PDB file of N, CA and C in Angstrom:
ATOM      1  N   MET A   1       0.831  -1.167  -0.014  1.00  0.00           N
ATOM      2  CA  MET A   1      -0.015  -0.005  -0.013  1.00  0.00           C
ATOM      3  C   MET A   1       0.864   1.227  -0.009  1.00  0.00           C
ATOM      4  N   GLU A   2       0.533   2.215  -0.751  1.00  0.00           N
ATOM      5  CA  GLU A   2       1.257   3.456  -0.849  1.00  0.00           C
ATOM      6  C   GLU A   2       0.322   4.590  -0.521  1.00  0.00           C
ATOM      7  N   MET A   3       0.861   5.511   0.236  1.00  0.00           N
ATOM      8  CA  MET A   3       0.051   6.699   0.620  1.00  0.00           C
ATOM      9  C   MET A   3       0.846   7.953   0.560  1.00  0.00           C
ATOM     10  N   GLU A   4       0.282   9.008   0.035  1.00  0.00           N
ATOM     11  CA  GLU A   4       1.024  10.235  -0.143  1.00  0.00           C
ATOM     12  C   GLU A   4       0.207  11.356   0.624  1.00  0.00           C
ATOM     13  N   ILE A   5       0.917  11.976   1.524  1.00  0.00           N
ATOM     14  CA  ILE A   5       0.358  13.163   2.240  1.00  0.00           C
ATOM     15  C   ILE A   5       1.236  14.301   2.207  1.00  0.00           C
ATOM     16  N   LYS A   6       0.788  15.511   1.856  1.00  0.00           N
ATOM     17  CA  LYS A   6       1.607  16.742   1.896  1.00  0.00           C
ATOM     18  C   LYS A   6       1.383  17.432   3.169  1.00  0.00           C
ATOM     19  N   LEU A   7       2.513  17.702   3.872  1.00  0.00           N
ATOM     20  CA  LEU A   7       2.371  18.381   5.164  1.00  0.00           C
ATOM     21  C   LEU A   7       3.064  19.732   5.021  1.00  0.00           C
ATOM     22  N   LYS A   8       2.539  20.687   5.775  1.00  0.00           N
ATOM     23  CA  LYS A   8       3.144  22.032   5.727  1.00  0.00           C
ATOM     24  C   LYS A   8       4.076  22.185   6.897  1.00  0.00           C
ATOM     25  N   MET A   9       5.202  21.438   6.901  1.00  0.00           N
ATOM     26  CA  MET A   9       6.235  21.539   7.889  1.00  0.00           C
ATOM     27  C   MET A   9       7.483  21.007   7.266  1.00  0.00           C
ATOM     28  N   PRO A  10       8.613  21.447   7.825  1.00  0.00           N
ATOM     29  CA  PRO A  10       9.922  20.944   7.336  1.00  0.00           C
ATOM     30  C   PRO A  10      10.073  19.486   7.673  1.00  0.00           C
ATOM     31  N   ALA A  11      10.736  18.786   6.832  1.00  0.00           N
ATOM     32  CA  ALA A  11      10.972  17.354   6.986  1.00  0.00           C
ATOM     33  C   ALA A  11      11.726  17.086   8.315  1.00  0.00           C
ATOM     34  N   THR A  12      12.651  18.013   8.645  1.00  0.00           N
ATOM     35  CA  THR A  12      13.406  17.815   9.905  1.00  0.00           C
ATOM     36  C   THR A  12      12.525  17.821  11.112  1.00  0.00           C
ATOM     37  N   TYR A  13      11.495  18.704  11.086  1.00  0.00           N
ATOM     38  CA  TYR A  13      10.589  18.788  12.224  1.00  0.00           C
ATOM     39  C   TYR A  13       9.830  17.519  12.362  1.00  0.00           C
ATOM     40  N   LEU A  14       9.319  16.995  11.257  1.00  0.00           N
ATOM     41  CA  LEU A  14       8.540  15.736  11.230  1.00  0.00           C
ATOM     42  C   LEU A  14       9.439  14.575  11.780  1.00  0.00           C
ATOM     43  N   PHE A  15      10.685  14.508  11.289  1.00  0.00           N
ATOM     44  CA  PHE A  15      11.614  13.544  11.713  1.00  0.00           C
ATOM     45  C   PHE A  15      11.862  13.589  13.242  1.00  0.00           C
ATOM     46  N   ASP A  16      12.063  14.803  13.698  1.00  0.00           N
ATOM     47  CA  ASP A  16      12.255  15.030  15.139  1.00  0.00           C
ATOM     48  C   ASP A  16      11.046  14.535  15.979  1.00  0.00           C
ATOM     49  N   GLN A  17       9.830  14.806  15.543  1.00  0.00           N
ATOM     50  CA  GLN A  17       8.677  14.347  16.235  1.00  0.00           C
ATOM     51  C   GLN A  17       8.549  12.850  16.252  1.00  0.00           C
ATOM     52  N   ILE A  18       8.909  12.185  15.150  1.00  0.00           N
ATOM     53  CA  ILE A  18       8.818  10.760  15.062  1.00  0.00           C
ATOM     54  C   ILE A  18       9.856  10.093  16.024  1.00  0.00           C
ATOM     55  N   MET A  19      11.069  10.742  16.018  1.00  0.00           N
ATOM     56  CA  MET A  19      12.138  10.230  16.947  1.00  0.00           C
ATOM     57  C   MET A  19      11.727  10.379  18.394  1.00  0.00           C
ATOM     58  N   GLU A  20      11.148  11.490  18.735  1.00  0.00           N
ATOM     59  CA  GLU A  20      10.748  11.696  20.100  1.00  0.00           C
ATOM     60  C   GLU A  20       9.637  10.661  20.518  1.00  0.00           C
ATOM     61  N   SER A  21       8.764  10.358  19.643  1.00  0.00           N
ATOM     62  CA  SER A  21       7.696   9.306  19.875  1.00  0.00           C
ATOM     63  C   SER A  21       8.352   7.990  20.025  1.00  0.00           C
ATOM     64  N   VAL A  22       9.335   7.633  19.299  1.00  0.00           N
ATOM     65  CA  VAL A  22      10.043   6.331  19.343  1.00  0.00           C
ATOM     66  C   VAL A  22      10.710   6.213  20.663  1.00  0.00           C
ATOM     67  N   LEU A  23      11.459   7.285  21.072  1.00  0.00           N
ATOM     68  CA  LEU A  23      12.198   7.279  22.338  1.00  0.00           C
ATOM     69  C   LEU A  23      11.210   7.146  23.489  1.00  0.00           C
ATOM     70  N   TYR A  24      10.094   7.829  23.398  1.00  0.00           N
ATOM     71  CA  TYR A  24       9.118   7.738  24.486  1.00  0.00           C
ATOM     72  C   TYR A  24       8.547   6.363  24.626  1.00  0.00           C
ATOM     73  N   ASP A  25       8.173   5.716  23.459  1.00  0.00           N
ATOM     74  CA  ASP A  25       7.650   4.390  23.487  1.00  0.00           C
ATOM     75  C   ASP A  25       8.590   3.417  24.005  1.00  0.00           C
ATOM     76  N   ILE A  26       9.851   3.515  23.637  1.00  0.00           N
ATOM     77  CA  ILE A  26      10.878   2.587  24.225  1.00  0.00           C
ATOM     78  C   ILE A  26      10.982   2.762  25.669  1.00  0.00           C
ATOM     79  N   HIS A  27      10.999   3.993  26.180  1.00  0.00           N
ATOM     80  CA  HIS A  27      11.049   4.262  27.574  1.00  0.00           C
ATOM     81  C   HIS A  27       9.825   3.641  28.366  1.00  0.00           C
ATOM     82  N   THR A  28       8.670   3.864  27.831  1.00  0.00           N
ATOM     83  CA  THR A  28       7.497   3.404  28.547  1.00  0.00           C
ATOM     84  C   THR A  28       7.362   1.877  28.576  1.00  0.00           C
ATOM     85  N   GLN A  29       7.857   1.204  27.531  1.00  0.00           N
ATOM     86  CA  GLN A  29       7.797  -0.200  27.402  1.00  0.00           C
ATOM     87  C   GLN A  29       8.950  -0.950  28.075  1.00  0.00           C
ATOM     88  N   THR A  30      10.087  -0.340  28.095  1.00  0.00           N
ATOM     89  CA  THR A  30      11.315  -1.029  28.631  1.00  0.00           C
ATOM     90  C   THR A  30      11.871  -0.446  29.882  1.00  0.00           C
ATOM     91  N   GLY A  31      11.518   0.820  30.159  1.00  0.00           N
ATOM     92  CA  GLY A  31      12.050   1.522  31.279  1.00  0.00           C
ATOM     93  C   GLY A  31      13.443   2.088  31.015  1.00  0.00           C
ATOM     94  N   ARG A  32      13.959   1.861  29.752  1.00  0.00           N
ATOM     95  CA  ARG A  32      15.277   2.356  29.353  1.00  0.00           C
ATOM     96  C   ARG A  32      15.136   3.763  28.713  1.00  0.00           C
ATOM     97  N   LYS A  33      15.935   4.628  29.177  1.00  0.00           N
ATOM     98  CA  LYS A  33      15.893   5.991  28.601  1.00  0.00           C
ATOM     99  C   LYS A  33      17.068   6.141  27.650  1.00  0.00           C
ATOM    100  N   LEU A  34      16.813   6.011  26.415  1.00  0.00           N
ATOM    101  CA  LEU A  34      17.861   6.039  25.338  1.00  0.00           C
ATOM    102  C   LEU A  34      17.948   7.312  24.701  1.00  0.00           C
ATOM    103  N   LYS A  35      19.079   7.537  23.985  1.00  0.00           N
ATOM    104  CA  LYS A  35      19.282   8.712  23.178  1.00  0.00           C
ATOM    105  C   LYS A  35      19.238   8.209  21.679  1.00  0.00           C
ATOM    106  N   ARG A  36      19.104   9.198  20.793  1.00  0.00           N
ATOM    107  CA  ARG A  36      19.049   8.880  19.364  1.00  0.00           C
ATOM    108  C   ARG A  36      20.212   8.008  18.872  1.00  0.00           C
ATOM    109  N   ASN A  37      21.375   8.333  19.393  1.00  0.00           N
ATOM    110  CA  ASN A  37      22.591   7.669  18.971  1.00  0.00           C
ATOM    111  C   ASN A  37      22.669   6.273  19.553  1.00  0.00           C
ATOM    112  N   GLN A  38      21.799   5.822  20.384  1.00  0.00           N
ATOM    113  CA  GLN A  38      21.715   4.509  20.974  1.00  0.00           C
ATOM    114  C   GLN A  38      20.797   3.609  20.265  1.00  0.00           C
ATOM    115  N   LEU A  39      20.119   4.079  19.229  1.00  0.00           N
ATOM    116  CA  LEU A  39      18.999   3.288  18.585  1.00  0.00           C
ATOM    117  C   LEU A  39      19.491   2.290  17.556  1.00  0.00           C
ATOM    118  N   GLU A  40      20.699   2.449  17.061  1.00  0.00           N
ATOM    119  CA  GLU A  40      21.214   1.503  16.084  1.00  0.00           C
ATOM    120  C   GLU A  40      21.209   0.086  16.628  1.00  0.00           C
ATOM    121  N   ASP A  41      20.684  -0.807  15.891  1.00  0.00           N
ATOM    122  CA  ASP A  41      20.501  -2.250  16.178  1.00  0.00           C
ATOM    123  C   ASP A  41      19.439  -2.439  17.332  1.00  0.00           C
ATOM    124  N   PHE A  42      18.768  -1.436  17.785  1.00  0.00           N
ATOM    125  CA  PHE A  42      17.747  -1.618  18.774  1.00  0.00           C
ATOM    126  C   PHE A  42      16.474  -1.939  18.071  1.00  0.00           C
ATOM    127  N   GLU A  43      15.717  -2.921  18.648  1.00  0.00           N
ATOM    128  CA  GLU A  43      14.446  -3.384  18.039  1.00  0.00           C
ATOM    129  C   GLU A  43      13.451  -3.657  19.095  1.00  0.00           C
ATOM    130  N   PHE A  44      12.244  -3.175  18.850  1.00  0.00           N
ATOM    131  CA  PHE A  44      11.145  -3.578  19.753  1.00  0.00           C
ATOM    132  C   PHE A  44       9.856  -3.666  18.949  1.00  0.00           C
ATOM    133  N   THR A  45       8.912  -4.389  19.424  1.00  0.00           N
ATOM    134  CA  THR A  45       7.583  -4.506  18.721  1.00  0.00           C
ATOM    135  C   THR A  45       6.560  -3.775  19.483  1.00  0.00           C
ATOM    136  N   LYS A  46       5.745  -3.095  18.715  1.00  0.00           N
ATOM    137  CA  LYS A  46       4.691  -2.240  19.332  1.00  0.00           C
ATOM    138  C   LYS A  46       3.350  -2.752  18.784  1.00  0.00           C
ATOM    139  N   THR A  47       2.339  -2.861  19.677  1.00  0.00           N
ATOM    140  CA  THR A  47       1.012  -3.211  19.229  1.00  0.00           C
ATOM    141  C   THR A  47       0.148  -1.920  19.234  1.00  0.00           C
ATOM    142  N   SER A  48      -0.521  -1.649  18.130  1.00  0.00           N
ATOM    143  CA  SER A  48      -1.293  -0.396  18.073  1.00  0.00           C
ATOM    144  C   SER A  48      -2.587  -0.649  18.813  1.00  0.00           C
ATOM    145  N   GLN A  49      -3.356   0.389  18.975  1.00  0.00           N
ATOM    146  CA  GLN A  49      -4.647   0.341  19.672  1.00  0.00           C
ATOM    147  C   GLN A  49      -5.616  -0.576  19.002  1.00  0.00           C
ATOM    148  N   LYS A  50      -5.415  -0.770  17.648  1.00  0.00           N
ATOM    149  CA  LYS A  50      -6.327  -1.695  16.970  1.00  0.00           C
ATOM    150  C   LYS A  50      -5.773  -3.122  16.901  1.00  0.00           C
ATOM    151  N   ARG A  51      -4.757  -3.388  17.814  1.00  0.00           N
ATOM    152  CA  ARG A  51      -4.124  -4.639  18.012  1.00  0.00           C
ATOM    153  C   ARG A  51      -3.428  -5.203  16.809  1.00  0.00           C
ATOM    154  N   LYS A  52      -2.895  -4.358  15.949  1.00  0.00           N
ATOM    155  CA  LYS A  52      -2.091  -4.734  14.844  1.00  0.00           C
ATOM    156  C   LYS A  52      -0.669  -4.565  15.279  1.00  0.00           C
ATOM    157  N   GLN A  53       0.133  -5.609  14.984  1.00  0.00           N
ATOM    158  CA  GLN A  53       1.545  -5.500  15.441  1.00  0.00           C
ATOM    159  C   GLN A  53       2.337  -4.658  14.512  1.00  0.00           C
ATOM    160  N   LEU A  54       3.089  -3.733  15.047  1.00  0.00           N
ATOM    161  CA  LEU A  54       3.935  -2.788  14.342  1.00  0.00           C
ATOM    162  C   LEU A  54       5.361  -3.117  14.618  1.00  0.00           C
ATOM    163  N   ARG A  55       6.184  -2.964  13.555  1.00  0.00           N
ATOM    164  CA  ARG A  55       7.614  -3.288  13.789  1.00  0.00           C
ATOM    165  C   ARG A  55       8.470  -2.233  13.100  1.00  0.00           C
TER     166      ARG A  55
END
């Protein structure tokens, strides 16, 4: 499936928001407070509210 959405914001802002969300999710699920430079080779599975597994 492919989806295209035009957003009125810089790509760097969107990327920063996604990264903050990822770091928050990792912290709430594992208790580990990581920084961006610690994410390489880090993997976790998240289940969405609709119970679909995200990876």
